[in-house]
Amino acid sequence: MDKLVALRVFHSIHDSGSFVAAAARLEMSTAMVSKYLGALEQELGTRLIQRTTRRLAFTEAGQDYARRTALVLAQLEEADAAAMQQSVEARGTLRMAAPLSFGMRYLGEWLAELRCRHPLLQVELELSDRQVDLVEDGFDLALRISTQPLGGGLIARPLGHIDMLPCAAPSYLAANPAPQTPADLARHSCLRYQQGNQPQVWRFWHGDEEIPVAVDGPLQSNNGDVLVSAAVAGMGILLQPRFLVEDALQQGRLQPLLSDYRTRSAEVYVVYPARRYLPMKVRVLIELLQDMLARLAPAAAR
């Protein structure tokens, strides 16, 4: 048995969900797919997939084996990409995750540019404000926006900054005196972007002085667009990236606050599993993201 081919067969079944689809992907017969899987299970001495005439299901051992051997195949792909270097055109399918609001505003246009540059490359994009597990969920990379350093055993490469702006609707400010200092926010209804239940602190600077303020209010959400809509409706004060509030500011539906104070900028990161070599398809996407962020108006990224 060719172990490498058997691993690729196993992962094709895992990714496609059927023997037939795996056979079509690998351009081999269904019988050959079954033969490779059987040989792999025999060598390991354990059942990886439970199959009946109607369905197949991965055993616990099969799921664990898929997760662990995915790294082996990824490292082989990286080694091939490193050996071929820049002379080979990026191709294949790249799986990417990105924040919902940012992705809806920018990534359609940016990925169209990627297609022009690399016509053999296909992208599967998932937009979600949850933090995906790149290895567990099978993503090549993710775009993340955060005011905190990123950890989790991943490579986090900063690509640029985005201003965070405190603002509120005229209707809210008509009913509540505008805060003059960050400390005043403790007495206001603050609309908070939050994942989890930890108390939220907004941080401001005046010169070299850092001013942390614990904020609270009637709404927290993991989606910035919801918070902007609530703020426009007069629900409270929010602190969000400039790209989310820029239109409402220009239209007068929101007003900026605390202009004498600086806030912490949000960092735009691309994150990927800790690898020595990156596949060509990942490298070219990172290059594109850098280019596109640099082209954004200084108001959106600097």
Protein backbone atom coordinates (compact mmCIF):
# COMPACT_ATOMS: atom_id res chain seq x y z
CA MET A 1 0.00 0.00 0.00
CA ASP A 2 1.20 3.51 -0.86
CA LYS A 3 0.68 5.21 2.50
CA LEU A 4 0.65 8.71 1.08
CA VAL A 5 -2.00 7.82 -1.49
CA ALA A 6 -4.02 6.09 1.23
CA LEU A 7 -3.89 9.24 3.37
CA ARG A 8 -5.05 11.35 0.47
CA VAL A 9 -7.88 8.93 -0.21
CA PHE A 10 -8.89 8.99 3.45
CA HIS A 11 -8.93 12.79 3.53
CA SER A 12 -10.85 12.99 0.28
CA ILE A 13 -13.56 10.81 1.84
CA HIS A 14 -13.48 12.95 4.98
CA ASP A 15 -13.75 16.24 3.07
CA SER A 16 -16.31 15.14 0.49
CA GLY A 17 -18.45 12.92 2.71
CA SER A 18 -18.72 9.97 0.34
CA PHE A 19 -16.71 7.31 -1.49
CA VAL A 20 -18.18 8.35 -4.84
CA ALA A 21 -17.24 12.01 -4.44
CA ALA A 22 -13.76 11.06 -3.23
CA ALA A 23 -13.30 8.79 -6.25
CA ALA A 24 -14.34 11.59 -8.63
CA ARG A 25 -11.99 14.04 -6.92
CA LEU A 26 -9.05 11.64 -7.13
CA GLU A 27 -9.95 10.33 -10.58
CA MET A 28 -9.99 6.70 -9.47
CA SER A 29 -12.70 4.08 -9.13
CA THR A 30 -14.92 3.76 -6.09
CA ALA A 31 -13.59 0.22 -5.64
CA MET A 32 -10.03 1.54 -5.49
CA VAL A 33 -11.03 4.14 -2.90
CA SER A 34 -12.56 1.38 -0.79
CA LYS A 35 -9.45 -0.76 -1.25
CA TYR A 36 -7.10 1.98 -0.03
CA LEU A 37 -9.29 2.72 2.97
CA GLY A 38 -9.49 -0.96 3.88
CA ALA A 39 -5.72 -1.32 3.63
CA LEU A 40 -5.23 1.74 5.84
CA GLU A 41 -7.64 0.43 8.47
CA GLN A 42 -5.96 -2.98 8.37
CA GLU A 43 -2.54 -1.42 8.91
CA LEU A 44 -3.81 0.69 11.82
CA GLY A 45 -5.83 -2.14 13.30
CA THR A 46 -8.88 0.04 13.85
CA ARG A 47 -12.05 1.10 12.08
CA LEU A 48 -11.86 4.68 10.79
CA ILE A 49 -15.23 4.88 9.05
CA GLN A 50 -18.46 3.06 9.80
CA ARG A 51 -20.26 2.51 6.50
CA THR A 52 -23.62 1.08 5.60
CA THR A 53 -25.54 0.99 2.34
CA ARG A 54 -27.11 4.36 3.22
CA ARG A 55 -24.48 6.42 5.01
CA LEU A 56 -21.01 6.61 6.41
CA ALA A 57 -19.82 8.06 9.72
CA PHE A 58 -16.33 8.64 11.03
CA THR A 59 -15.48 6.88 14.25
CA GLU A 60 -13.83 8.74 17.10
CA ALA A 61 -10.52 7.20 16.02
CA GLY A 62 -11.24 8.29 12.44
CA GLN A 63 -11.95 11.89 13.42
CA ASP A 64 -8.79 12.05 15.51
CA TYR A 65 -6.74 10.46 12.73
CA ALA A 66 -8.12 12.96 10.20
CA ARG A 67 -7.21 15.89 12.41
CA ARG A 68 -3.67 14.68 13.04
CA THR A 69 -2.83 13.55 9.51
CA ALA A 70 -4.19 16.79 8.02
CA LEU A 71 -1.06 18.43 9.41
CA VAL A 72 1.12 15.85 7.66
CA LEU A 73 -0.49 16.53 4.29
CA ALA A 74 -0.35 20.28 4.88
CA GLN A 75 3.36 20.10 5.68
CA LEU A 76 3.95 18.09 2.52
CA GLU A 77 2.08 20.73 0.51
CA GLU A 78 4.17 23.45 2.15
CA ALA A 79 7.39 21.61 1.39
CA ASP A 80 6.35 21.27 -2.26
CA ALA A 81 5.42 24.96 -2.40
CA ALA A 82 8.73 25.99 -0.84
CA ALA A 83 10.67 23.84 -3.29
CA MET A 84 8.82 25.20 -6.29
CA GLN A 85 9.04 28.77 -4.89
CA GLN A 86 7.65 31.60 -6.96
CA SER A 87 7.89 29.90 -10.35
CA VAL A 88 4.62 28.03 -9.88
CA GLU A 89 1.25 29.69 -10.25
CA ALA A 90 -1.00 29.64 -7.20
CA ARG A 91 -3.79 27.13 -7.72
CA GLY A 92 -6.22 24.93 -5.87
CA THR A 93 -8.81 25.84 -3.23
CA LEU A 94 -8.07 28.16 -0.35
CA ARG A 95 -10.39 28.17 2.68
CA MET A 96 -10.56 31.50 4.48
CA ALA A 97 -12.53 32.85 7.44
CA ALA A 98 -13.16 36.54 8.11
CA PRO A 99 -15.32 38.81 10.30
CA LEU A 100 -18.83 39.27 8.94
CA SER A 101 -19.07 43.07 8.76
CA PHE A 102 -15.58 43.64 7.39
CA GLY A 103 -15.93 40.82 4.90
CA MET A 104 -19.23 42.09 3.52
CA ARG A 105 -17.76 45.54 2.93
CA TYR A 106 -14.44 44.65 1.36
CA LEU A 107 -13.70 41.03 0.59
CA GLY A 108 -15.93 40.57 -2.46
CA GLU A 109 -14.02 43.26 -4.35
CA TRP A 110 -10.66 42.14 -3.00
CA LEU A 111 -11.19 38.51 -3.93
CA ALA A 112 -12.22 39.58 -7.43
CA GLU A 113 -8.80 41.23 -7.66
CA LEU A 114 -7.22 37.99 -6.41
CA ARG A 115 -8.99 36.13 -9.20
CA CYS A 116 -7.54 38.52 -11.77
CA ARG A 117 -4.06 37.99 -10.41
CA HIS A 118 -4.33 34.22 -9.94
CA PRO A 119 -7.05 32.74 -12.18
CA LEU A 120 -6.27 29.13 -11.15
CA LEU A 121 -7.02 29.83 -7.48
CA GLN A 122 -10.47 29.27 -5.95
CA VAL A 123 -11.54 30.62 -2.56
CA GLU A 124 -14.05 29.26 -0.05
CA LEU A 125 -14.89 32.18 2.26
CA GLU A 126 -16.76 31.88 5.55
CA LEU A 127 -17.93 35.11 7.13
CA SER A 128 -18.57 34.82 10.84
CA ASP A 129 -17.78 36.72 14.01
CA ARG A 130 -16.91 33.50 15.81
CA GLN A 131 -13.25 32.59 16.07
CA VAL A 132 -12.86 29.45 14.00
CA ASP A 133 -10.37 26.73 14.88
CA LEU A 134 -8.20 26.79 11.78
CA VAL A 135 -6.88 23.26 12.17
CA GLU A 136 -10.07 21.64 13.45
CA ASP A 137 -12.29 23.39 10.88
CA GLY A 138 -9.88 23.00 7.97
CA PHE A 139 -9.14 26.67 7.18
CA ASP A 140 -5.92 27.80 5.54
CA LEU A 141 -6.03 31.22 7.18
CA ALA A 142 -8.33 33.72 8.87
CA LEU A 143 -8.61 37.47 8.97
CA ARG A 144 -9.17 38.86 12.46
CA ILE A 145 -9.64 42.36 13.86
CA SER A 146 -8.77 42.83 17.51
CA THR A 147 -7.62 45.42 20.03
CA GLN A 148 -5.90 42.65 21.98
CA PRO A 149 -2.83 40.56 21.07
CA LEU A 150 -3.77 37.24 19.52
CA GLY A 151 -2.58 33.94 20.93
CA GLY A 152 -3.70 30.36 20.62
CA GLY A 153 -0.58 28.86 19.07
CA LEU A 154 -1.11 30.51 15.67
CA ILE A 155 1.03 32.80 13.60
CA ALA A 156 -0.66 36.23 13.81
CA ARG A 157 0.72 38.64 11.22
CA PRO A 158 -0.38 42.28 11.55
CA LEU A 159 -1.47 43.89 8.28
CA GLY A 160 -2.67 47.34 9.37
CA HIS A 161 -4.59 49.46 11.85
CA ILE A 162 -8.17 50.68 11.98
CA ASP A 163 -9.26 53.62 14.15
CA MET A 164 -11.85 52.97 16.86
CA LEU A 165 -14.34 55.83 17.31
CA PRO A 166 -16.75 56.58 20.18
CA CYS A 167 -19.99 58.07 18.91
CA ALA A 168 -23.71 58.39 19.57
CA ALA A 169 -26.88 59.53 17.81
CA PRO A 170 -28.15 63.12 18.11
CA SER A 171 -31.33 61.77 19.70
CA TYR A 172 -29.34 60.08 22.47
CA LEU A 173 -27.25 63.20 23.07
CA ALA A 174 -30.41 65.34 23.20
CA ALA A 175 -31.65 63.24 26.12
CA ASN A 176 -28.26 62.68 27.78
CA PRO A 177 -25.41 65.18 28.23
CA ALA A 178 -22.46 64.28 26.03
CA PRO A 179 -19.52 62.80 27.96
CA GLN A 180 -16.70 65.31 28.42
CA THR A 181 -14.15 62.79 29.71
CA PRO A 182 -13.85 59.01 29.38
CA ALA A 183 -14.82 58.64 33.05
CA ASP A 184 -18.26 60.04 32.18
CA LEU A 185 -18.96 56.91 30.12
CA ALA A 186 -19.50 54.93 33.33
CA ARG A 187 -22.80 56.83 33.70
CA HIS A 188 -23.95 56.24 30.13
CA SER A 189 -25.65 53.42 28.26
CA CYS A 190 -22.81 51.82 26.30
CA LEU A 191 -23.32 49.38 23.46
CA ARG A 192 -20.59 46.78 23.66
CA TYR A 193 -18.98 44.48 21.14
CA GLN A 194 -18.27 41.37 23.14
CA GLN A 195 -17.60 37.67 22.82
CA GLY A 196 -17.98 35.97 26.19
CA ASN A 197 -19.11 37.38 29.51
CA GLN A 198 -16.06 39.16 30.85
CA PRO A 199 -16.53 42.80 31.98
CA GLN A 200 -15.62 45.19 29.20
CA VAL A 201 -13.17 48.04 29.57
CA TRP A 202 -12.80 50.81 27.00
CA ARG A 203 -9.34 52.38 26.98
CA PHE A 204 -8.49 55.98 26.16
CA TRP A 205 -5.29 58.02 26.21
CA HIS A 206 -4.68 61.67 26.97
CA GLY A 207 -1.06 62.34 26.17
CA ASP A 208 0.81 59.49 27.85
CA GLU A 209 -1.93 58.87 30.42
CA GLU A 210 -4.00 55.72 29.93
CA ILE A 211 -7.61 55.99 31.09
CA PRO A 212 -9.45 52.65 31.37
CA VAL A 213 -13.22 52.83 31.84
CA ALA A 214 -15.45 49.91 32.76
CA VAL A 215 -18.60 50.31 30.70
CA ASP A 216 -22.04 48.75 30.82
CA GLY A 217 -25.33 49.18 29.05
CA PRO A 218 -28.48 47.64 27.62
CA LEU A 219 -26.92 45.77 24.69
CA GLN A 220 -23.90 43.65 23.90
CA SER A 221 -23.40 41.77 20.65
CA ASN A 222 -20.71 40.00 18.66
CA ASN A 223 -21.80 41.89 15.53
CA GLY A 224 -20.79 45.51 15.01
CA ASP A 225 -23.51 46.33 12.47
CA VAL A 226 -26.19 45.52 15.05
CA LEU A 227 -24.54 47.87 17.52
CA VAL A 228 -24.32 50.65 14.94
CA SER A 229 -28.02 50.28 14.10
CA ALA A 230 -28.90 50.42 17.80
CA ALA A 231 -26.74 53.50 18.28
CA VAL A 232 -28.33 55.26 15.30
CA ALA A 233 -31.73 54.52 16.88
CA GLY A 234 -30.60 56.34 20.04
CA MET A 235 -29.97 53.37 22.31
CA GLY A 236 -26.56 54.46 23.57
CA ILE A 237 -22.90 55.18 22.95
CA LEU A 238 -20.69 52.77 21.02
CA LEU A 239 -16.99 52.34 20.30
CA GLN A 240 -16.53 50.72 16.92
CA PRO A 241 -14.07 50.64 13.97
CA ARG A 242 -14.26 53.66 11.69
CA PHE A 243 -15.31 51.60 8.66
CA LEU A 244 -18.51 50.60 10.46
CA VAL A 245 -19.57 54.10 11.53
CA GLU A 246 -18.17 56.26 8.69
CA ASP A 247 -21.40 56.39 6.64
CA ALA A 248 -23.54 57.24 9.68
CA LEU A 249 -21.08 59.97 10.70
CA GLN A 250 -21.11 61.53 7.23
CA GLN A 251 -24.92 61.45 7.16
CA GLY A 252 -25.21 63.01 10.62
CA ARG A 253 -26.93 59.98 12.10
CA LEU A 254 -24.04 59.59 14.54
CA GLN A 255 -21.79 62.20 16.13
CA PRO A 256 -18.18 61.62 17.26
CA LEU A 257 -17.39 61.97 20.96
CA LEU A 258 -14.34 62.64 23.14
CA SER A 259 -12.26 63.99 20.25
CA ASP A 260 -9.57 65.23 22.68
CA TYR A 261 -8.77 61.63 23.64
CA ARG A 262 -7.17 58.80 21.70
CA THR A 263 -8.57 55.28 21.65
CA ARG A 264 -6.79 52.01 21.06
CA SER A 265 -6.69 51.17 17.37
CA ALA A 266 -7.89 47.79 16.20
CA GLU A 267 -5.21 45.66 14.55
CA VAL A 268 -6.01 43.74 11.38
CA TYR A 269 -4.30 40.34 11.53
CA VAL A 270 -4.01 37.42 9.19
CA VAL A 271 -3.62 34.24 11.21
CA TYR A 272 -2.54 30.79 10.09
CA PRO A 273 -1.18 27.62 11.72
CA ALA A 274 2.42 27.82 12.86
CA ARG A 275 4.31 26.58 9.82
CA ARG A 276 7.78 27.07 8.51
CA TYR A 277 6.64 27.19 4.90
CA LEU A 278 3.41 28.63 3.60
CA PRO A 279 1.64 27.23 0.54
CA MET A 280 1.75 29.51 -2.47
CA LYS A 281 -2.02 30.05 -2.31
CA VAL A 282 -1.73 31.41 1.24
CA ARG A 283 1.23 33.63 0.41
CA VAL A 284 -0.50 35.30 -2.53
CA LEU A 285 -3.64 36.00 -0.49
CA ILE A 286 -1.60 37.58 2.29
CA GLU A 287 0.13 39.77 -0.31
CA LEU A 288 -3.24 40.84 -1.68
CA LEU A 289 -4.61 41.66 1.78
CA GLN A 290 -1.58 43.83 2.47
CA ASP A 291 -2.05 45.65 -0.83
CA MET A 292 -5.77 46.22 -0.34
CA LEU A 293 -5.45 47.46 3.25
CA ALA A 294 -2.75 49.89 2.14
CA ARG A 295 -5.12 51.27 -0.51
CA LEU A 296 -7.92 51.99 1.95
CA ALA A 297 -8.38 55.67 2.71
CA PRO A 298 -6.38 56.82 5.75
CA ALA A 299 -9.68 57.29 7.52
CA ALA A 300 -10.27 53.55 7.41
CA ALA A 301 -6.77 52.17 7.85
CA ARG A 302 -3.40 53.70 8.56
